[in-house]
Amino acid sequence: MVKWLQDERSFEVVTLTVDVGMQKDLVAIEEKAYALGAVKHYSVDAKSEFVYDYIFPAIRANALYEEKYPLSSSIARPLIASKLVQIARKEDAVAVAHGCTGKGNDQVRFDITIKTLDPSLKIVAPVREWNMTRDREVEYALRHGIPVAKTSNPYSIDQNLWGRSIECGPIEDPSAEPPDDAFEWTVNATEAPAEPAYVSVGYSEGIPVSLDGKKMDGVALITALNELAGSHGVGRIDHIEDRLVGIKSHEVYECPAAVCLLDAHKDLEKSVLTRHEVTFKHLVDIEWARLAYCGLWVDPLREDLDAFIEATQSRISGEVKLKLYKGGEIVVGRSSPYSLYDLSLATYEAWTSFDQKLAPGFIELWGLQTRVARSIIAKKQKAVGDMRVQTAELKS
């Protein structure tokens, strides 16, 4: 892309790499940028910012797009775009460029965020504008003496602290099980340890702060849980996803820590929040995930939803115990000083404080409208039936 911007647009190019946990050699990336003619290169370590300003809000929102995808790539894009705008302003750039295709979601996330943060910046998207395919990109690079890694890996990978997405190659066949060579963070469940692992996650106001009682910063906690859960085969996600552009896409992800932390957080909420709070928050969570996925992180509605979520999280403190075994993860214990679980009410023992004599009156009122409605419907159906009988008799 650097070469294309130089030759096709006559741009001087400043390159930027934002590290959100992709586990790449940043020194090698910088050296390659200058070798290709970049006039300046920036490397920004944004892992901590990614965790505290993007991942933690996603946990509080139980963020799963279409109830399955933890938005690992989706929520990283507005952060990367914001850094892009910052560097562009610092360098007095007239335009910013990204390598997104014209058929994916990321172009929407980048374009909307960039245009919102700085409407004066032009956006150049070489892959989209030139209608490049991956084969053409490689051919173009080789023709211009640009070193590209020679690999037989057919996959397109994007990864950060919150997850690893895998596309292309065998993944494009939704009827086939993804081959094991597509995965790096998770072992095959059949090869996972014979004994389960248990881990307790501590939360403070909806934010994970400890593993097995040990306080940890966000980056370290997520990294450690990725390794532990992944070693037990936990975190593989395989589903059909609705892209923004209308395409049904077969998507495969590895999100060990995300799967664990989201499930544990949701369980803790169910212990602490009232039924009404849980029900309404579920609607908020769905909309929050939709906004993040659809490139609308900067929309005011996301901040409005955050305000509601923030209010619910003041009591989401406690500990959740998870069991990791052969690709599966389940909650096997939870505790909180704010839990609404009252043993004296829940127990079936004689010392219960629940007065069963109150139940008949409750049932009478709870079902009142249902009984009245069914009675009226039955009368209407009888009237319609009688009318049909009379009509039939007249015709005969």
Foldseek 3Di string as FASTA:
>chain_A
DCLCCCPVVVDQAEEEAEAQAQPDDVVVVQVLCVVSRHPYYYYHDCNQVCQPVFVLLLLLLLFDAVVFHSCQVLSVLLVVLVVQLVVCVVVVHQAGEDADAPPAQSVLQNVVSNCVVPVRHHYDHVCHVVVDDPVNVVVVCVVVVRDDDDDPDQWDWDDHLQKIKTDGDPLQPLVDDDDPVRDDQADQLVPADPDKDKWKFWDALSGTQDIPPHGDRRSVVSVVQSNVLRSNQAAWTWDFDQGPVGDTGTIIMGGRSSVASNQQLLVLLVFFPDPVLNVVSNVLSNVLNVCSSNSNCVPVVNVVSSVVSSVSSNQSTWMWMWIRHSHDIDTDDIDGPRTPDDCLCPDPDPSRPDDCVCVVVVVCVVCVVVVVVVVVVVVVVVVVVVVVVVVVVVVD
